[in-house]
Amino acid sequence: GDIIWLKNKQGYEIPVISIRYTLWNFGNVNHEREGTPAYIAQKLTAD
């Protein structure tokens, strides 16, 4: 979810936004930043 700021040729800062979490079905496990809607919602709420 980190954001990188870079300037365009007019001098304005443009955000490059990375994905914070991903909804992804891995069967019987979740990964650190990928998993079920309930799992990712819990991670986001705790942030």
All heavy atoms as atom14 arrays in JSON, in Angstrom:
{
  "sequence": "GDIIWLKNKQGYEIPVISIRYTLWNFGNVNHEREGTPAYIAQKLTAD",
  "atom14_mask": [
    [1, 1, 1, 1, 0, 0, 0, 0, 0, 0, 0, 0, 0, 0],
    [1, 1, 1, 1, 1, 1, 1, 1, 0, 0, 0, 0, 0, 0],
    [1, 1, 1, 1, 1, 1, 1, 1, 0, 0, 0, 0, 0, 0],
    [1, 1, 1, 1, 1, 1, 1, 1, 0, 0, 0, 0, 0, 0],
    [1, 1, 1, 1, 1, 1, 1, 1, 1, 1, 1, 1, 1, 1],
    [1, 1, 1, 1, 1, 1, 1, 1, 0, 0, 0, 0, 0, 0],
    [1, 1, 1, 1, 1, 1, 1, 1, 1, 0, 0, 0, 0, 0],
    [1, 1, 1, 1, 1, 1, 1, 1, 0, 0, 0, 0, 0, 0],
    [1, 1, 1, 1, 1, 1, 1, 1, 1, 0, 0, 0, 0, 0],
    [1, 1, 1, 1, 1, 1, 1, 1, 1, 0, 0, 0, 0, 0],
    [1, 1, 1, 1, 0, 0, 0, 0, 0, 0, 0, 0, 0, 0],
    [1, 1, 1, 1, 1, 1, 1, 1, 1, 1, 1, 1, 0, 0],
    [1, 1, 1, 1, 1, 1, 1, 1, 1, 0, 0, 0, 0, 0],
    [1, 1, 1, 1, 1, 1, 1, 1, 0, 0, 0, 0, 0, 0],
    [1, 1, 1, 1, 1, 1, 1, 0, 0, 0, 0, 0, 0, 0],
    [1, 1, 1, 1, 1, 1, 1, 0, 0, 0, 0, 0, 0, 0],
    [1, 1, 1, 1, 1, 1, 1, 1, 0, 0, 0, 0, 0, 0],
    [1, 1, 1, 1, 1, 1, 0, 0, 0, 0, 0, 0, 0, 0],
    [1, 1, 1, 1, 1, 1, 1, 1, 0, 0, 0, 0, 0, 0],
    [1, 1, 1, 1, 1, 1, 1, 1, 1, 1, 1, 0, 0, 0],
    [1, 1, 1, 1, 1, 1, 1, 1, 1, 1, 1, 1, 0, 0],
    [1, 1, 1, 1, 1, 1, 1, 0, 0, 0, 0, 0, 0, 0],
    [1, 1, 1, 1, 1, 1, 1, 1, 0, 0, 0, 0, 0, 0],
    [1, 1, 1, 1, 1, 1, 1, 1, 1, 1, 1, 1, 1, 1],
    [1, 1, 1, 1, 1, 1, 1, 1, 0, 0, 0, 0, 0, 0],
    [1, 1, 1, 1, 1, 1, 1, 1, 1, 1, 1, 0, 0, 0],
    [1, 1, 1, 1, 0, 0, 0, 0, 0, 0, 0, 0, 0, 0],
    [1, 1, 1, 1, 1, 1, 1, 1, 0, 0, 0, 0, 0, 0],
    [1, 1, 1, 1, 1, 1, 1, 0, 0, 0, 0, 0, 0, 0],
    [1, 1, 1, 1, 1, 1, 1, 1, 0, 0, 0, 0, 0, 0],
    [1, 1, 1, 1, 1, 1, 1, 1, 1, 1, 0, 0, 0, 0],
    [1, 1, 1, 1, 1, 1, 1, 1, 1, 0, 0, 0, 0, 0],
    [1, 1, 1, 1, 1, 1, 1, 1, 1, 1, 1, 0, 0, 0],
    [1, 1, 1, 1, 1, 1, 1, 1, 1, 0, 0, 0, 0, 0],
    [1, 1, 1, 1, 0, 0, 0, 0, 0, 0, 0, 0, 0, 0],
    [1, 1, 1, 1, 1, 1, 1, 0, 0, 0, 0, 0, 0, 0],
    [1, 1, 1, 1, 1, 1, 1, 0, 0, 0, 0, 0, 0, 0],
    [1, 1, 1, 1, 1, 0, 0, 0, 0, 0, 0, 0, 0, 0],
    [1, 1, 1, 1, 1, 1, 1, 1, 1, 1, 1, 1, 0, 0],
    [1, 1, 1, 1, 1, 1, 1, 1, 0, 0, 0, 0, 0, 0],
    [1, 1, 1, 1, 1, 0, 0, 0, 0, 0, 0, 0, 0, 0],
    [1, 1, 1, 1, 1, 1, 1, 1, 1, 0, 0, 0, 0, 0],
    [1, 1, 1, 1, 1, 1, 1, 1, 1, 0, 0, 0, 0, 0],
    [1, 1, 1, 1, 1, 1, 1, 1, 0, 0, 0, 0, 0, 0],
    [1, 1, 1, 1, 1, 1, 1, 0, 0, 0, 0, 0, 0, 0],
    [1, 1, 1, 1, 1, 0, 0, 0, 0, 0, 0, 0, 0, 0],
    [1, 1, 1, 1, 1, 1, 1, 1, 0, 0, 0, 0, 0, 0]
  ],
  "atom14_positions": [
    [[0.79, -1.23, 0.0], [0.0, 0.0, 0.0], [0.82, 1.27, 0.0], [0.25, 2.37, 0.04], [0.0, 0.0, 0.0], [0.0, 0.0, 0.0], [0.0, 0.0, 0.0], [0.0, 0.0, 0.0], [0.0, 0.0, 0.0], [0.0, 0.0, 0.0], [0.0, 0.0, 0.0], [0.0, 0.0, 0.0], [0.0, 0.0, 0.0], [0.0, 0.0, 0.0]],
    [[2.12, 1.15, -0.05], [2.97, 2.34, -0.05], [2.77, 3.16, -1.32], [2.43, 2.62, -2.38], [4.45, 1.94, 0.07], [4.78, 1.37, 1.45], [3.94, 1.46, 2.34], [5.89, 0.84, 1.6], [0.0, 0.0, 0.0], [0.0, 0.0, 0.0], [0.0, 0.0, 0.0], [0.0, 0.0, 0.0], [0.0, 0.0, 0.0], [0.0, 0.0, 0.0]],
    [[2.99, 4.46, -1.2], [2.8, 5.38, -2.31], [4.14, 6.03, -2.66], [4.85, 6.53, -1.78], [1.77, 6.46, -1.97], [0.41, 5.82, -1.67], [1.63, 7.47, -3.12], [-0.63, 6.79, -1.14], [0.0, 0.0, 0.0], [0.0, 0.0, 0.0], [0.0, 0.0, 0.0], [0.0, 0.0, 0.0], [0.0, 0.0, 0.0], [0.0, 0.0, 0.0]],
    [[4.45, 6.03, -3.94], [5.64, 6.7, -4.46], [5.17, 7.95, -5.19], [4.22, 7.9, -5.98], [6.42, 5.78, -5.42], [6.92, 4.54, -4.67], [7.58, 6.53, -6.07], [7.43, 3.44, -5.59], [0.0, 0.0, 0.0], [0.0, 0.0, 0.0], [0.0, 0.0, 0.0], [0.0, 0.0, 0.0], [0.0, 0.0, 0.0], [0.0, 0.0, 0.0]],
    [[5.81, 9.08, -4.93], [5.43, 10.34, -5.57], [6.47, 10.74, -6.61], [7.67, 10.82, -6.32], [5.28, 11.45, -4.53], [4.1, 11.23, -3.63], [4.1, 10.62, -2.41], [2.76, 11.61, -3.9], [2.82, 10.58, -1.9], [1.97, 11.19, -2.8], [2.12, 12.26, -4.97], [0.6, 11.4, -2.72], [0.75, 12.47, -4.9], [0.0, 12.04, -3.78]],
    [[5.99, 10.96, -7.85], [6.85, 11.38, -8.94], [6.22, 12.57, -9.65], [4.99, 12.67, -9.72], [7.05, 10.22, -9.93], [7.71, 8.96, -9.36], [7.64, 7.82, -10.36], [9.17, 9.22, -8.97], [0.0, 0.0, 0.0], [0.0, 0.0, 0.0], [0.0, 0.0, 0.0], [0.0, 0.0, 0.0], [0.0, 0.0, 0.0], [0.0, 0.0, 0.0]],
    [[7.01, 13.44, -10.22], [6.47, 14.64, -10.85], [6.32, 14.45, -12.35], [7.16, 13.85, -13.01], [7.38, 15.83, -10.57], [7.34, 16.32, -9.14], [8.15, 17.6, -8.97], [8.04, 18.12, -7.52], [8.78, 19.38, -7.33], [0.0, 0.0, 0.0], [0.0, 0.0, 0.0], [0.0, 0.0, 0.0], [0.0, 0.0, 0.0], [0.0, 0.0, 0.0]],
    [[5.2, 15.0, -12.88], [5.05, 15.02, -14.34], [5.76, 16.23, -14.91], [6.35, 17.03, -14.18], [3.57, 14.95, -14.74], [2.79, 16.2, -14.36], [3.34, 17.24, -13.99], [1.47, 16.1, -14.44], [0.0, 0.0, 0.0], [0.0, 0.0, 0.0], [0.0, 0.0, 0.0], [0.0, 0.0, 0.0], [0.0, 0.0, 0.0], [0.0, 0.0, 0.0]],
    [[5.71, 16.39, -16.22], [6.47, 17.46, -16.86], [5.93, 18.85, -16.56], [6.61, 19.85, -16.8], [6.53, 17.22, -18.37], [7.45, 16.06, -18.74], [7.63, 15.94, -20.24], [8.66, 14.88, -20.57], [8.87, 14.72, -22.03], [0.0, 0.0, 0.0], [0.0, 0.0, 0.0], [0.0, 0.0, 0.0], [0.0, 0.0, 0.0], [0.0, 0.0, 0.0]],
    [[4.7, 18.91, -16.03], [4.14, 20.2, -15.62], [4.51, 20.55, -14.18], [4.13, 21.59, -13.68], [2.61, 20.21, -15.8], [2.15, 20.42, -17.23], [2.51, 19.26, -18.12], [2.32, 18.11, -17.74], [3.05, 19.55, -19.29], [0.0, 0.0, 0.0], [0.0, 0.0, 0.0], [0.0, 0.0, 0.0], [0.0, 0.0, 0.0], [0.0, 0.0, 0.0]],
    [[5.2, 19.61, -13.52], [5.64, 19.87, -12.15], [4.7, 19.37, -11.08], [4.96, 19.57, -9.89], [0.0, 0.0, 0.0], [0.0, 0.0, 0.0], [0.0, 0.0, 0.0], [0.0, 0.0, 0.0], [0.0, 0.0, 0.0], [0.0, 0.0, 0.0], [0.0, 0.0, 0.0], [0.0, 0.0, 0.0], [0.0, 0.0, 0.0], [0.0, 0.0, 0.0]],
    [[3.61, 18.71, -11.45], [2.66, 18.2, -10.47], [3.07, 16.81, -9.99], [3.52, 15.97, -10.78], [1.24, 18.15, -11.05], [0.65, 19.52, -11.28], [0.7, 20.12, -12.53], [0.07, 20.22, -10.23], [0.17, 21.4, -12.74], [-0.46, 21.49, -10.42], [-0.4, 22.07, -11.68], [-0.92, 23.33, -11.87], [0.0, 0.0, 0.0], [0.0, 0.0, 0.0]],
    [[2.87, 16.56, -8.71], [3.19, 15.25, -8.14], [2.09, 14.24, -8.46], [0.91, 14.51, -8.24], [3.37, 15.36, -6.63], [4.64, 16.09, -6.21], [4.88, 15.97, -4.72], [4.13, 16.62, -3.96], [5.8, 15.23, -4.31], [0.0, 0.0, 0.0], [0.0, 0.0, 0.0], [0.0, 0.0, 0.0], [0.0, 0.0, 0.0], [0.0, 0.0, 0.0]],
    [[2.5, 13.1, -8.97], [1.58, 12.03, -9.36], [1.82, 10.83, -8.45], [2.96, 10.37, -8.31], [1.8, 11.63, -10.83], [1.65, 12.85, -11.75], [0.84, 10.52, -11.23], [0.29, 13.51, -11.7], [0.0, 0.0, 0.0], [0.0, 0.0, 0.0], [0.0, 0.0, 0.0], [0.0, 0.0, 0.0], [0.0, 0.0, 0.0], [0.0, 0.0, 0.0]],
    [[0.76, 10.3, -7.82], [0.95, 9.15, -6.92], [1.03, 7.83, -7.67], [0.25, 7.57, -8.6], [-0.31, 9.2, -6.05], [-1.35, 9.8, -6.94], [-0.63, 10.79, -7.83], [0.0, 0.0, 0.0], [0.0, 0.0, 0.0], [0.0, 0.0, 0.0], [0.0, 0.0, 0.0], [0.0, 0.0, 0.0], [0.0, 0.0, 0.0], [0.0, 0.0, 0.0]],
    [[1.97, 7.01, -7.28], [2.08, 5.63, -7.73], [1.69, 4.77, -6.54], [2.45, 4.64, -5.58], [3.5, 5.3, -8.21], [3.58, 3.85, -8.68], [3.94, 6.26, -9.31], [0.0, 0.0, 0.0], [0.0, 0.0, 0.0], [0.0, 0.0, 0.0], [0.0, 0.0, 0.0], [0.0, 0.0, 0.0], [0.0, 0.0, 0.0], [0.0, 0.0, 0.0]],
    [[0.48, 4.21, -6.57], [-0.13, 3.57, -5.4], [-0.01, 2.06, -5.53], [-0.48, 1.46, -6.5], [-1.61, 3.97, -5.29], [-1.76, 5.48, -5.34], [-2.24, 3.38, -4.03], [-3.16, 5.94, -5.64], [0.0, 0.0, 0.0], [0.0, 0.0, 0.0], [0.0, 0.0, 0.0], [0.0, 0.0, 0.0], [0.0, 0.0, 0.0], [0.0, 0.0, 0.0]],
    [[0.61, 1.43, -4.57], [0.7, -0.03, -4.59], [-0.52, -0.64, -3.9], [-1.15, -0.03, -3.04], [1.99, -0.5, -3.91], [2.01, -0.15, -2.54], [0.0, 0.0, 0.0], [0.0, 0.0, 0.0], [0.0, 0.0, 0.0], [0.0, 0.0, 0.0], [0.0, 0.0, 0.0], [0.0, 0.0, 0.0], [0.0, 0.0, 0.0], [0.0, 0.0, 0.0]],
    [[-0.85, -1.85, -4.3], [-1.97, -2.59, -3.71], [-1.64, -2.9, -2.24], [-0.55, -3.37, -1.92], [-2.2, -3.91, -4.47], [-2.57, -3.63, -5.94], [-3.27, -4.75, -3.79], [-3.88, -2.94, -6.13], [0.0, 0.0, 0.0], [0.0, 0.0, 0.0], [0.0, 0.0, 0.0], [0.0, 0.0, 0.0], [0.0, 0.0, 0.0], [0.0, 0.0, 0.0]],
    [[-2.6, -2.61, -1.35], [-2.35, -2.86, 0.07], [-2.61, -4.33, 0.44], [-1.81, -4.96, 1.14], [-3.22, -1.94, 0.94], [-2.79, -1.97, 2.4], [-3.52, -0.93, 3.24], [-3.34, 0.43, 2.77], [-2.23, 1.15, 2.96], [-1.19, 0.63, 3.59], [-2.16, 2.4, 2.51], [0.0, 0.0, 0.0], [0.0, 0.0, 0.0], [0.0, 0.0, 0.0]],
    [[-3.73, -4.88, 0.01], [-4.08, -6.29, 0.22], [-4.8, -6.8, -1.02], [-5.31, -6.02, -1.82], [-4.99, -6.47, 1.44], [-4.38, -6.04, 2.76], [-4.76, -4.84, 3.35], [-3.46, -6.85, 3.42], [-4.21, -4.44, 4.57], [-2.9, -6.46, 4.64], [-3.28, -5.25, 5.21], [-2.73, -4.86, 6.4], [0.0, 0.0, 0.0], [0.0, 0.0, 0.0]],
    [[-4.88, -8.13, -1.15], [-5.57, -8.73, -2.29], [-6.52, -9.82, -1.81], [-6.14, -10.66, -0.98], [-4.57, -9.36, -3.28], [-3.62, -8.38, -3.69], [-5.29, -9.88, -4.51], [0.0, 0.0, 0.0], [0.0, 0.0, 0.0], [0.0, 0.0, 0.0], [0.0, 0.0, 0.0], [0.0, 0.0, 0.0], [0.0, 0.0, 0.0], [0.0, 0.0, 0.0]],
    [[-7.74, -9.78, -2.33], [-8.69, -10.87, -2.1], [-8.3, -12.03, -3.01], [-8.33, -11.9, -4.24], [-10.12, -10.41, -2.4], [-10.64, -9.21, -1.59], [-12.07, -8.88, -1.99], [-10.54, -9.49, -0.11], [0.0, 0.0, 0.0], [0.0, 0.0, 0.0], [0.0, 0.0, 0.0], [0.0, 0.0, 0.0], [0.0, 0.0, 0.0], [0.0, 0.0, 0.0]],
    [[-7.94, -13.15, -2.4], [-7.4, -14.28, -3.18], [-7.69, -15.57, -2.42], [-7.37, -15.68, -1.24], [-5.9, -14.11, -3.38], [-5.31, -14.91, -4.51], [-5.47, -16.23, -4.77], [-4.44, -14.41, -5.54], [-4.77, -16.61, -5.87], [-4.12, -15.5, -6.37], [-3.89, -13.16, -5.83], [-3.29, -15.37, -7.49], [-3.06, -13.04, -6.93], [-2.77, -14.13, -7.75]],
    [[-8.28, -16.52, -3.1], [-8.63, -17.8, -2.48], [-7.47, -18.77, -2.61], [-7.16, -19.25, -3.69], [-9.89, -18.37, -3.15], [-10.42, -19.59, -2.43], [-9.68, -20.33, -1.79], [-11.72, -19.82, -2.53], [0.0, 0.0, 0.0], [0.0, 0.0, 0.0], [0.0, 0.0, 0.0], [0.0, 0.0, 0.0], [0.0, 0.0, 0.0], [0.0, 0.0, 0.0]],
    [[-6.85, -19.09, -1.48], [-5.75, -20.06, -1.44], [-6.16, -21.36, -0.75], [-5.31, -22.09, -0.24], [-4.53, -19.46, -0.74], [-3.8, -18.42, -1.54], [-4.0, -17.07, -1.29], [-2.93, -18.79, -2.55], [-3.33, -16.11, -2.03], [-2.26, -17.84, -3.3], [-2.45, -16.49, -3.04], [0.0, 0.0, 0.0], [0.0, 0.0, 0.0], [0.0, 0.0, 0.0]],
    [[-7.47, -21.62, -0.72], [-7.92, -22.87, -0.12], [-7.95, -22.81, 1.39], [-8.67, -22.01, 1.97], [0.0, 0.0, 0.0], [0.0, 0.0, 0.0], [0.0, 0.0, 0.0], [0.0, 0.0, 0.0], [0.0, 0.0, 0.0], [0.0, 0.0, 0.0], [0.0, 0.0, 0.0], [0.0, 0.0, 0.0], [0.0, 0.0, 0.0], [0.0, 0.0, 0.0]],
    [[-7.13, -23.62, 2.03], [-7.19, -23.71, 3.5], [-6.19, -22.81, 4.21], [-5.93, -22.98, 5.4], [-6.99, -25.17, 3.94], [-5.62, -25.71, 3.53], [-4.87, -25.03, 2.84], [-5.33, -26.92, 3.95], [0.0, 0.0, 0.0], [0.0, 0.0, 0.0], [0.0, 0.0, 0.0], [0.0, 0.0, 0.0], [0.0, 0.0, 0.0], [0.0, 0.0, 0.0]],
    [[-5.61, -21.84, 3.47], [-4.67, -20.92, 4.11], [-4.9, -19.5, 3.58], [-5.5, -19.3, 2.53], [-3.2, -21.32, 3.83], [-2.88, -22.68, 4.41], [-2.89, -21.27, 2.34], [0.0, 0.0, 0.0], [0.0, 0.0, 0.0], [0.0, 0.0, 0.0], [0.0, 0.0, 0.0], [0.0, 0.0, 0.0], [0.0, 0.0, 0.0], [0.0, 0.0, 0.0]],
    [[-4.44, -18.54, 4.36], [-4.3, -17.16, 3.9], [-2.83, -16.8, 3.94], [-2.07, -17.37, 4.73], [-5.08, -16.19, 4.8], [-6.58, -16.35, 4.65], [-7.1, -16.34, 3.54], [-7.28, -16.5, 5.78], [0.0, 0.0, 0.0], [0.0, 0.0, 0.0], [0.0, 0.0, 0.0], [0.0, 0.0, 0.0], [0.0, 0.0, 0.0], [0.0, 0.0, 0.0]],
    [[-2.44, -15.86, 3.11], [-1.06, -15.38, 3.15], [-1.02, -14.02, 3.84], [-2.05, -13.45, 4.18], [-0.49, -15.3, 1.74], [-0.36, -16.64, 1.08], [-0.08, -16.81, -0.26], [-0.49, -17.9, 1.58], [-0.03, -18.09, -0.55], [-0.28, -18.78, 0.55], [0.0, 0.0, 0.0], [0.0, 0.0, 0.0], [0.0, 0.0, 0.0], [0.0, 0.0, 0.0]],
    [[0.18, -13.51, 4.03], [0.33, -12.3, 4.83], [-0.55, -11.16, 4.33], [-1.21, -10.49, 5.13], [1.8, -11.85, 4.82], [2.03, -10.59, 5.65], [3.45, -10.08, 5.56], [4.26, -10.71, 4.85], [3.76, -9.05, 6.19], [0.0, 0.0, 0.0], [0.0, 0.0, 0.0], [0.0, 0.0, 0.0], [0.0, 0.0, 0.0], [0.0, 0.0, 0.0]],
    [[-0.62, -10.95, 3.03], [-1.37, -9.82, 2.48], [-2.4, -10.27, 1.46], [-2.93, -9.46, 0.69], [-0.43, -8.78, 1.87], [0.7, -8.36, 2.79], [1.41, -7.11, 2.32], [0.6, -5.92, 2.59], [0.62, -5.26, 3.75], [1.36, -5.68, 4.76], [-0.12, -4.18, 3.91], [0.0, 0.0, 0.0], [0.0, 0.0, 0.0], [0.0, 0.0, 0.0]],
    [[-2.72, -11.56, 1.44], [-3.68, -12.12, 0.48], [-4.56, -13.12, 1.2], [-4.06, -13.94, 1.97], [-2.95, -12.84, -0.66], [-1.97, -11.96, -1.42], [-1.07, -12.78, -2.34], [-0.53, -13.8, -1.87], [-0.92, -12.39, -3.51], [0.0, 0.0, 0.0], [0.0, 0.0, 0.0], [0.0, 0.0, 0.0], [0.0, 0.0, 0.0], [0.0, 0.0, 0.0]],
    [[-5.86, -13.04, 0.93], [-6.74, -14.01, 1.58], [-8.2, -13.69, 1.39], [-8.6, -12.99, 0.46], [0.0, 0.0, 0.0], [0.0, 0.0, 0.0], [0.0, 0.0, 0.0], [0.0, 0.0, 0.0], [0.0, 0.0, 0.0], [0.0, 0.0, 0.0], [0.0, 0.0, 0.0], [0.0, 0.0, 0.0], [0.0, 0.0, 0.0], [0.0, 0.0, 0.0]],
    [[-9.02, -14.2, 2.3], [-10.48, -14.08, 2.2], [-10.93, -12.66, 2.53], [-10.21, -11.88, 3.15], [-11.15, -15.03, 3.18], [-10.84, -14.62, 4.52], [-10.72, -16.48, 2.98], [0.0, 0.0, 0.0], [0.0, 0.0, 0.0], [0.0, 0.0, 0.0], [0.0, 0.0, 0.0], [0.0, 0.0, 0.0], [0.0, 0.0, 0.0], [0.0, 0.0, 0.0]],
    [[-12.17, -12.32, 2.13], [-12.71, -11.0, 2.49], [-12.7, -10.75, 4.0], [-12.37, -9.65, 4.45], [-14.13, -11.06, 1.93], [-14.03, -11.99, 0.75], [-13.06, -13.04, 1.18], [0.0, 0.0, 0.0], [0.0, 0.0, 0.0], [0.0, 0.0, 0.0], [0.0, 0.0, 0.0], [0.0, 0.0, 0.0], [0.0, 0.0, 0.0], [0.0, 0.0, 0.0]],
    [[-13.07, -11.77, 4.8], [-13.08, -11.6, 6.26], [-11.67, -11.35, 6.78], [-11.44, -10.48, 7.63], [-13.69, -12.83, 6.93], [0.0, 0.0, 0.0], [0.0, 0.0, 0.0], [0.0, 0.0, 0.0], [0.0, 0.0, 0.0], [0.0, 0.0, 0.0], [0.0, 0.0, 0.0], [0.0, 0.0, 0.0], [0.0, 0.0, 0.0], [0.0, 0.0, 0.0]],
    [[-10.72, -12.11, 6.29], [-9.33, -11.99, 6.73], [-8.76, -10.62, 6.39], [-8.14, -9.95, 7.24], [-8.51, -13.1, 6.07], [-7.02, -13.02, 6.3], [-6.45, -13.35, 7.53], [-6.17, -12.63, 5.27], [-5.08, -13.29, 7.72], [-4.81, -12.57, 5.44], [-4.26, -12.9, 6.68], [-2.9, -12.84, 6.86], [0.0, 0.0, 0.0], [0.0, 0.0, 0.0]],
    [[-8.96, -10.17, 5.14], [-8.41, -8.88, 4.72], [-9.12, -7.73, 5.45], [-8.49, -6.73, 5.83], [-8.51, -8.71, 3.2], [-7.69, -9.79, 2.48], [-8.05, -7.33, 2.77], [-6.24, -9.83, 2.86], [0.0, 0.0, 0.0], [0.0, 0.0, 0.0], [0.0, 0.0, 0.0], [0.0, 0.0, 0.0], [0.0, 0.0, 0.0], [0.0, 0.0, 0.0]],
    [[-10.42, -7.87, 5.68], [-11.14, -6.83, 6.43], [-10.59, -6.7, 7.85], [-10.45, -5.58, 8.37], [-12.64, -7.17, 6.48], [0.0, 0.0, 0.0], [0.0, 0.0, 0.0], [0.0, 0.0, 0.0], [0.0, 0.0, 0.0], [0.0, 0.0, 0.0], [0.0, 0.0, 0.0], [0.0, 0.0, 0.0], [0.0, 0.0, 0.0], [0.0, 0.0, 0.0]],
    [[-10.25, -7.83, 8.44], [-9.67, -7.78, 9.78], [-8.3, -7.1, 9.76], [-7.97, -6.31, 10.65], [-9.55, -9.2, 10.34], [-10.89, -9.86, 10.66], [-10.78, -11.35, 10.87], [-9.73, -11.88, 11.22], [-11.88, -12.07, 10.65], [0.0, 0.0, 0.0], [0.0, 0.0, 0.0], [0.0, 0.0, 0.0], [0.0, 0.0, 0.0], [0.0, 0.0, 0.0]],
    [[-7.51, -7.39, 8.74], [-6.2, -6.76, 8.63], [-6.34, -5.25, 8.44], [-5.61, -4.46, 9.06], [-5.44, -7.35, 7.43], [-5.2, -8.86, 7.51], [-3.98, -9.21, 8.31], [-2.72, -9.07, 7.52], [-1.53, -9.6, 8.22], [0.0, 0.0, 0.0], [0.0, 0.0, 0.0], [0.0, 0.0, 0.0], [0.0, 0.0, 0.0], [0.0, 0.0, 0.0]],
    [[-7.29, -4.85, 7.61], [-7.48, -3.43, 7.33], [-8.01, -2.7, 8.56], [-7.59, -1.57, 8.86], [-8.44, -3.27, 6.14], [-8.35, -1.95, 5.36], [-6.97, -1.79, 4.75], [-9.41, -1.9, 4.28], [0.0, 0.0, 0.0], [0.0, 0.0, 0.0], [0.0, 0.0, 0.0], [0.0, 0.0, 0.0], [0.0, 0.0, 0.0], [0.0, 0.0, 0.0]],
    [[-8.92, -3.34, 9.29], [-9.49, -2.74, 10.49], [-8.42, -2.52, 11.56], [-8.44, -1.52, 12.28], [-10.62, -3.62, 11.04], [-11.64, -3.75, 10.04], [-11.23, -3.01, 12.28], [0.0, 0.0, 0.0], [0.0, 0.0, 0.0], [0.0, 0.0, 0.0], [0.0, 0.0, 0.0], [0.0, 0.0, 0.0], [0.0, 0.0, 0.0], [0.0, 0.0, 0.0]],
    [[-7.49, -3.46, 11.63], [-6.43, -3.36, 12.64], [-5.38, -2.32, 12.28], [-4.56, -1.93, 13.12], [-5.77, -4.72, 12.82], [0.0, 0.0, 0.0], [0.0, 0.0, 0.0], [0.0, 0.0, 0.0], [0.0, 0.0, 0.0], [0.0, 0.0, 0.0], [0.0, 0.0, 0.0], [0.0, 0.0, 0.0], [0.0, 0.0, 0.0], [0.0, 0.0, 0.0]],
    [[-5.42, -1.85, 11.04], [-4.43, -0.86, 10.58], [-4.94, 0.53, 10.9], [-5.83, 1.06, 10.23], [-4.23, -1.03, 9.07], [-3.18, -0.1, 8.5], [-2.7, 0.78, 9.23], [-2.85, -0.25, 7.31], [0.0, 0.0, 0.0], [0.0, 0.0, 0.0], [0.0, 0.0, 0.0], [0.0, 0.0, 0.0], [0.0, 0.0, 0.0], [0.0, 0.0, 0.0]]
  ]
}
